[in-house]
């Protein structure tokens, strides 16, 4: 014998109305996000089914969750080997925990699906704030939080790309100038870069900065875009080194591509740095222990995560938060870079 349910739920209303749970939540709570026709339909169905809000659940929904949301939209193959995201999360969680906050983490294969997760969080009141990573040109997630300001959001991107949301950015342009100037000082006249996806805002800024700096110094410059994966880095490296007139230095937009390409470079008969200098945009422990060790940009990603957390906590407290650009780029030069025909240096130094 099946006993009748004692209470009508939001899921019951959604099923009868033929809409999602999120749409029902928007409609019943008077929030934007559904059309007026859908709102009227949901309210009518809720009344007919005798739906009543749960007072305890309502009290909880009005309170702080002490959760900050982050959706990772990465290829799992890249996420499993690259260090940047884990360093960022380390700084983020360490700072959040000091204030009793937890990081609510989800993964998604695309920004389209990520947007659905974010809308569910907003509708359910599941988080007190959200961190947006890997902002794209014309990113719809930015528009989502502009439309629904009830949940504050911090964008990890240049302020010019944040659509008015508070932003925390690296000095991408300054870093590009630092790297290009360094290679120019070593005597390189033709440099190349293996970059991340073109739609990412930080890739766009780096692209322009590299072009401008190379032009100002009279250098030749080529750029291939790929997906940050080891395979993508190796494939682009092989293409560059197969050119009749090849570059003498390659800059990789992450450490994974730089590390994985060392073997490809050797197999093609080139020596690092005698024939080819290699520079990684991200520093990591692996850059220190690889053979040769890899010249890399140290941006203190853990500190960036900590700064993001303090900005998010301020947003949650209702304080005004201004966009910030961190200008702490430091180029750590190691064995993988040097003038052509000169054997690797065994020491290491810094450029700021």
Protein backbone atom coordinates (compact mmCIF):
# COMPACT_ATOMS: atom_id res chain seq x y z
CA UNK A 1 0.00 0.00 0.00
CA UNK A 2 1.35 3.44 -0.97
CA UNK A 3 0.67 6.20 1.49
CA UNK A 4 -0.24 9.62 0.08
CA UNK A 5 2.37 12.35 0.39
CA UNK A 6 1.64 14.76 3.22
CA UNK A 7 3.04 17.82 1.47
CA UNK A 8 3.29 19.17 -2.06
CA UNK A 9 6.89 19.89 -3.07
CA UNK A 10 8.47 22.22 -5.60
CA UNK A 11 9.24 19.14 -7.71
CA UNK A 12 5.52 18.32 -7.80
CA UNK A 13 4.73 21.83 -9.01
CA UNK A 14 7.51 21.69 -11.62
CA UNK A 15 6.34 18.33 -12.98
CA UNK A 16 2.71 19.45 -13.26
CA UNK A 17 3.61 22.81 -14.82
CA UNK A 18 6.11 21.22 -17.22
CA UNK A 19 9.02 23.45 -16.17
CA UNK A 20 12.27 23.04 -14.25
CA UNK A 21 12.66 23.23 -10.47
CA UNK A 22 14.72 26.39 -10.93
CA UNK A 23 11.90 28.05 -12.89
CA UNK A 24 9.45 27.19 -10.11
CA UNK A 25 11.79 28.63 -7.50
CA UNK A 26 12.16 31.86 -9.49
CA UNK A 27 8.42 32.17 -9.94
CA UNK A 28 7.41 31.36 -6.34
CA UNK A 29 10.01 33.70 -4.87
CA UNK A 30 9.19 36.59 -7.19
CA UNK A 31 12.67 36.59 -8.74
CA UNK A 32 13.51 37.52 -12.34
CA UNK A 33 14.53 34.73 -14.68
CA UNK A 34 11.17 33.50 -16.00
CA UNK A 35 8.58 35.05 -18.29
CA UNK A 36 5.36 36.47 -16.87
CA UNK A 37 3.37 33.72 -18.59
CA UNK A 38 5.51 31.03 -16.93
CA UNK A 39 5.26 32.79 -13.57
CA UNK A 40 1.48 32.94 -13.81
CA UNK A 41 1.30 29.27 -14.82
CA UNK A 42 3.52 28.17 -11.92
CA UNK A 43 1.55 30.21 -9.39
CA UNK A 44 -1.72 28.76 -10.67
CA UNK A 45 -0.43 25.18 -10.47
CA UNK A 46 1.01 25.78 -6.98
CA UNK A 47 -2.32 27.07 -5.76
CA UNK A 48 -4.25 24.15 -7.26
CA UNK A 49 -1.86 21.62 -5.71
CA UNK A 50 -1.95 23.35 -2.35
CA UNK A 51 1.75 24.16 -2.21
CA UNK A 52 2.87 26.05 0.89
CA UNK A 53 6.40 27.23 1.71
CA UNK A 54 8.25 25.36 4.42
CA UNK A 55 8.90 27.93 7.12
CA UNK A 56 12.08 26.25 8.33
CA UNK A 57 13.46 26.01 4.80
CA UNK A 58 12.51 29.65 4.18
CA UNK A 59 14.40 30.74 7.30
CA UNK A 60 17.44 28.80 6.13
CA UNK A 61 17.22 30.26 2.62
CA UNK A 62 17.26 33.78 4.05
CA UNK A 63 20.39 33.06 6.10
CA UNK A 64 23.98 32.95 4.90
CA UNK A 65 25.14 29.60 3.60
CA UNK A 66 28.82 30.27 4.33
CA UNK A 67 29.58 28.80 0.90
CA UNK A 68 31.45 30.39 -1.99
CA UNK A 69 30.81 28.78 -5.36
CA UNK A 70 33.33 27.95 -8.07
CA UNK A 71 32.65 25.98 -11.26
CA UNK A 72 35.70 24.59 -13.04
CA UNK A 73 35.25 24.42 -16.81
CA UNK A 74 38.34 22.53 -17.88
CA UNK A 75 39.21 19.53 -19.95
CA UNK A 76 39.85 16.87 -17.30
CA UNK A 77 43.11 15.92 -18.97
CA UNK A 78 44.43 19.46 -18.48
CA UNK A 79 43.03 19.91 -14.97
CA UNK A 80 44.65 16.68 -13.79
CA UNK A 81 48.18 17.82 -14.68
CA UNK A 82 48.36 21.61 -14.49
CA UNK A 83 49.25 23.37 -11.23
CA UNK A 84 47.62 26.81 -11.59
CA UNK A 85 44.10 25.89 -10.47
CA UNK A 86 45.22 23.87 -7.47
CA UNK A 87 47.49 26.71 -6.30
CA UNK A 88 44.61 29.18 -6.70
CA UNK A 89 42.26 26.93 -4.73
CA UNK A 90 44.89 26.47 -2.01
CA UNK A 91 45.07 30.22 -1.43
CA UNK A 92 41.32 30.62 -1.77
CA UNK A 93 40.32 27.94 0.73
CA UNK A 94 42.98 28.85 3.30
CA UNK A 95 41.61 32.39 3.51
CA UNK A 96 37.95 31.37 3.41
CA UNK A 97 38.39 28.86 6.23
CA UNK A 98 39.68 31.59 8.56
CA UNK A 99 36.20 33.15 8.32
CA UNK A 100 34.29 29.88 8.54
CA UNK A 101 33.50 29.68 4.82
CA UNK A 102 33.69 26.64 2.55
CA UNK A 103 34.30 26.36 -1.18
CA UNK A 104 31.45 24.71 -3.07
CA UNK A 105 33.15 23.21 -6.11
CA UNK A 106 31.54 21.87 -9.27
CA UNK A 107 32.95 20.93 -12.67
CA UNK A 108 31.40 21.46 -16.08
CA UNK A 109 32.38 20.60 -19.66
CA UNK A 110 31.30 24.00 -21.04
CA UNK A 111 30.30 27.52 -20.04
CA UNK A 112 26.77 26.77 -21.26
CA UNK A 113 26.37 24.02 -18.67
CA UNK A 114 28.23 26.11 -16.10
CA UNK A 115 25.65 28.85 -16.56
CA UNK A 116 22.91 26.32 -15.72
CA UNK A 117 24.72 25.38 -12.51
CA UNK A 118 25.11 29.04 -11.57
CA UNK A 119 21.41 29.71 -12.19
CA UNK A 120 20.52 26.77 -9.94
CA UNK A 121 22.76 28.12 -7.19
CA UNK A 122 21.18 31.57 -7.46
CA UNK A 123 17.64 30.20 -7.44
CA UNK A 124 18.27 27.88 -4.50
CA UNK A 125 20.33 30.37 -2.49
CA UNK A 126 23.07 27.73 -2.32
CA UNK A 127 26.03 30.15 -2.16
CA UNK A 128 26.75 33.59 -0.75
CA UNK A 129 29.09 34.56 -3.61
CA UNK A 130 30.65 33.14 -6.76
CA UNK A 131 34.13 33.27 -8.28
CA UNK A 132 34.20 33.34 -12.10
CA UNK A 133 37.32 31.92 -13.79
CA UNK A 134 38.47 31.77 -17.41
CA UNK A 135 36.35 34.70 -18.57
CA UNK A 136 35.70 34.69 -22.31
CA UNK A 137 35.12 37.59 -24.68
CA UNK A 138 31.40 38.39 -24.44
CA UNK A 139 31.00 35.97 -21.53
CA UNK A 140 27.33 35.22 -20.75
CA UNK A 141 28.18 34.49 -17.10
CA UNK A 142 29.03 38.15 -16.63
CA UNK A 143 25.60 39.10 -17.97
CA UNK A 144 23.95 36.56 -15.65
CA UNK A 145 25.30 38.18 -12.51
CA UNK A 146 24.58 41.67 -13.79
CA UNK A 147 20.96 40.58 -14.25
CA UNK A 148 20.81 38.85 -10.85
CA UNK A 149 22.84 40.97 -8.43
CA UNK A 150 21.37 39.19 -5.37
CA UNK A 151 24.43 36.91 -5.38
CA UNK A 152 27.70 38.87 -5.63
CA UNK A 153 30.35 37.64 -8.06
CA UNK A 154 34.06 38.31 -8.51
CA UNK A 155 35.57 37.87 -11.97
CA UNK A 156 39.17 36.75 -12.42
CA UNK A 157 39.88 38.93 -15.42
CA UNK A 158 40.87 42.41 -16.51
CA UNK A 159 38.41 45.02 -15.28
CA UNK A 160 37.74 46.07 -18.89
CA UNK A 161 36.29 42.60 -19.55
CA UNK A 162 34.23 42.30 -16.33
CA UNK A 163 31.16 44.24 -17.47
CA UNK A 164 31.10 46.31 -14.30
CA UNK A 165 31.54 43.38 -11.89
CA UNK A 166 34.45 43.65 -9.46
CA UNK A 167 37.51 41.99 -10.97
CA UNK A 168 40.87 40.64 -9.87
CA UNK A 169 43.43 40.61 -12.67
CA UNK A 170 47.03 39.76 -13.35
CA UNK A 171 49.11 42.34 -15.17
CA UNK A 172 49.05 40.31 -18.39
CA UNK A 173 50.40 43.14 -20.52
CA UNK A 174 53.26 43.86 -18.14
CA UNK A 175 54.20 40.18 -18.03
CA UNK A 176 54.25 39.95 -21.82
CA UNK A 177 56.54 42.97 -22.03
CA UNK A 178 58.84 41.48 -19.39
CA UNK A 179 59.23 38.20 -21.29
CA UNK A 180 59.67 39.76 -24.73
CA UNK A 181 62.21 42.30 -23.43
CA UNK A 182 64.17 39.51 -21.75
CA UNK A 183 64.37 37.44 -24.94
CA UNK A 184 65.31 40.53 -26.93
CA UNK A 185 68.17 41.21 -24.52
CA UNK A 186 69.40 37.66 -25.13
CA UNK A 187 69.65 38.48 -28.82
CA UNK A 188 66.62 36.60 -30.15
CA UNK A 189 65.14 38.17 -33.26
CA UNK A 190 62.35 35.68 -33.97
CA UNK A 191 60.19 34.50 -31.07
CA UNK A 192 57.03 32.41 -31.04
CA UNK A 193 54.30 31.75 -28.53
CA UNK A 194 52.08 28.72 -27.97
CA UNK A 195 48.99 30.22 -26.38
CA UNK A 196 45.71 29.14 -24.85
CA UNK A 197 42.27 29.38 -26.50
CA UNK A 198 41.66 32.58 -28.43
CA UNK A 199 38.25 33.25 -26.84
CA UNK A 200 39.73 33.71 -23.34
CA UNK A 201 40.08 37.35 -22.31
CA UNK A 202 43.56 36.90 -20.86
CA UNK A 203 44.72 35.25 -24.11
CA UNK A 204 43.35 38.22 -26.03
CA UNK A 205 45.25 40.68 -23.82
CA UNK A 206 48.47 38.68 -24.04
CA UNK A 207 48.13 38.42 -27.83
CA UNK A 208 47.92 42.18 -28.22
CA UNK A 209 50.74 42.83 -25.76
CA UNK A 210 53.10 40.40 -27.51
CA UNK A 211 52.33 41.90 -30.92
CA UNK A 212 52.87 45.46 -29.67
CA UNK A 213 56.11 44.70 -27.83
CA UNK A 214 57.59 42.65 -30.69
CA UNK A 215 56.77 45.42 -33.16
CA UNK A 216 58.32 48.08 -30.93
CA UNK A 217 61.55 46.07 -30.63
CA UNK A 218 61.62 45.08 -34.30
CA UNK A 219 61.22 41.36 -33.59
CA UNK A 220 59.44 38.75 -35.68
CA UNK A 221 56.64 37.04 -33.82
CA UNK A 222 54.40 34.03 -34.50
CA UNK A 223 51.59 32.60 -32.36
CA UNK A 224 49.68 29.30 -32.39
CA UNK A 225 46.62 28.77 -30.19
CA UNK A 226 45.73 25.47 -28.57
CA UNK A 227 43.95 24.02 -25.51
CA UNK A 228 46.65 24.10 -22.79
CA UNK A 229 47.03 20.30 -23.00
CA UNK A 230 50.39 18.49 -23.24
CA UNK A 231 49.34 17.11 -26.62
CA UNK A 232 48.37 20.56 -27.90
CA UNK A 233 51.71 21.99 -26.82
CA UNK A 234 53.67 19.19 -28.46
CA UNK A 235 51.69 19.45 -31.70
CA UNK A 236 52.23 23.21 -32.01
CA UNK A 237 55.91 22.88 -31.11
CA UNK A 238 56.42 20.37 -33.91
CA UNK A 239 54.69 22.68 -36.38
CA UNK A 240 56.83 25.67 -35.39
CA UNK A 241 60.11 23.77 -35.52
CA UNK A 242 59.21 22.29 -38.91
CA UNK A 243 59.12 25.73 -40.52
CA UNK A 244 61.94 26.48 -42.99
CA UNK A 245 62.72 29.59 -40.98
CA UNK A 246 62.03 28.63 -37.38
CA UNK A 247 61.91 30.77 -34.22
CA UNK A 248 64.82 30.70 -31.79
CA UNK A 249 62.66 31.07 -28.68
CA UNK A 250 59.20 29.75 -27.75
CA UNK A 251 57.00 31.07 -24.94
CA UNK A 252 54.36 28.63 -23.63
CA UNK A 253 51.22 29.92 -21.94
CA UNK A 254 51.41 27.26 -19.22
CA UNK A 255 53.99 25.01 -17.60
CA UNK A 256 52.37 21.78 -18.82
CA UNK A 257 52.89 22.63 -22.49
CA UNK A 258 56.45 23.81 -21.87
CA UNK A 259 57.39 20.66 -19.94
CA UNK A 260 55.79 18.22 -22.35
CA UNK A 261 57.43 19.90 -25.35
CA UNK A 262 61.01 19.44 -24.13
CA UNK A 263 61.00 15.84 -25.31
CA UNK A 264 59.55 16.82 -28.69
CA UNK A 265 62.25 19.47 -29.11
CA UNK A 266 64.97 16.89 -28.36
CA UNK A 267 63.51 14.31 -30.71
CA UNK A 268 63.57 16.86 -33.51
CA UNK A 269 67.30 17.33 -33.00
CA UNK A 270 67.33 20.69 -31.23
CA UNK A 271 69.16 21.54 -28.02
CA UNK A 272 67.74 23.75 -25.26
CA UNK A 273 68.89 26.51 -24.96
CA UNK A 274 71.71 26.32 -27.53
CA UNK A 275 69.31 26.07 -30.48
CA UNK A 276 66.05 27.09 -28.84
CA UNK A 277 65.13 28.99 -25.68
CA UNK A 278 62.00 27.89 -23.78
CA UNK A 279 59.97 30.09 -21.40
CA UNK A 280 56.84 29.13 -19.44
CA UNK A 281 54.18 31.71 -18.52
CA UNK A 282 53.45 29.77 -15.29
CA UNK A 283 56.09 28.69 -12.81
CA UNK A 284 55.71 25.44 -10.85
CA UNK A 285 57.74 22.91 -8.91
CA UNK A 286 58.10 20.86 -12.10
CA UNK A 287 59.83 23.79 -13.81
CA UNK A 288 62.45 23.66 -11.05
CA UNK A 289 63.18 19.93 -11.31
CA UNK A 290 62.88 19.28 -15.05
CA UNK A 291 66.01 18.80 -17.14
CA UNK A 292 66.78 21.40 -18.21
CA UNK A 293 65.09 23.56 -15.59
CA UNK A 294 62.64 25.97 -17.20
CA UNK A 295 62.68 29.76 -17.17
CA UNK A 296 59.23 30.81 -15.96
CA UNK A 297 57.02 33.66 -14.81
CA UNK A 298 56.27 33.50 -11.09
CA UNK A 299 52.94 35.20 -10.39
CA UNK A 300 52.34 33.92 -6.82
CA UNK A 301 49.06 32.18 -7.66
CA UNK A 302 48.45 31.15 -4.03
CA UNK A 303 48.51 34.81 -3.04
CA UNK A 304 46.07 35.56 -5.85
CA UNK A 305 43.66 32.96 -4.44
CA UNK A 306 43.96 34.53 -0.99
CA UNK A 307 43.27 38.00 -2.41
CA UNK A 308 40.22 36.67 -4.29
CA UNK A 309 38.88 35.25 -1.02
CA UNK A 310 39.22 38.55 0.86
CA UNK A 311 37.43 40.38 -1.96
CA UNK A 312 34.63 37.79 -1.99
CA UNK A 313 34.18 38.05 1.79
CA UNK A 314 33.92 41.82 1.50
CA UNK A 315 31.25 41.45 -1.19
CA UNK A 316 29.31 39.06 1.03
CA UNK A 317 29.42 41.62 3.87
CA UNK A 318 27.91 44.18 1.52
CA UNK A 319 31.00 46.36 1.24
CA UNK A 320 32.01 48.21 -1.92
CA UNK A 321 34.81 46.32 -3.68
CA UNK A 322 36.98 47.97 -6.31
CA UNK A 323 38.68 46.01 -9.09
CA UNK A 324 42.33 45.14 -8.45
CA UNK A 325 45.25 44.40 -10.76
CA UNK A 326 48.12 42.55 -9.14
CA UNK A 327 51.48 43.69 -10.48
CA UNK A 328 53.85 41.19 -8.91
CA UNK A 329 55.24 39.46 -12.00
CA UNK A 330 58.73 38.02 -11.53
CA UNK A 331 60.67 36.25 -14.25
CA UNK A 332 62.81 33.44 -12.87
CA UNK A 333 65.46 32.54 -15.42
CA UNK A 334 66.85 29.05 -15.46
CA UNK A 335 68.68 26.68 -17.80
CA UNK A 336 66.13 26.65 -20.64
CA UNK A 337 66.88 30.17 -21.87
CA UNK A 338 70.00 31.88 -23.11
CA UNK A 339 71.74 33.36 -26.14
CA UNK A 340 72.04 31.08 -29.15
CA UNK A 341 75.05 28.75 -29.10
CA UNK A 342 75.74 29.27 -25.37
CA UNK A 343 75.55 26.29 -23.02
CA UNK A 344 72.91 26.34 -20.25
CA UNK A 345 73.65 28.43 -17.23
CA UNK A 346 73.70 26.44 -14.00
CA UNK A 347 72.71 29.32 -11.76
CA UNK A 348 69.40 31.08 -11.48
CA UNK A 349 68.32 34.66 -11.03
CA UNK A 350 65.32 36.96 -11.13
CA UNK A 351 63.99 39.81 -13.20
CA UNK A 352 61.20 42.10 -12.04
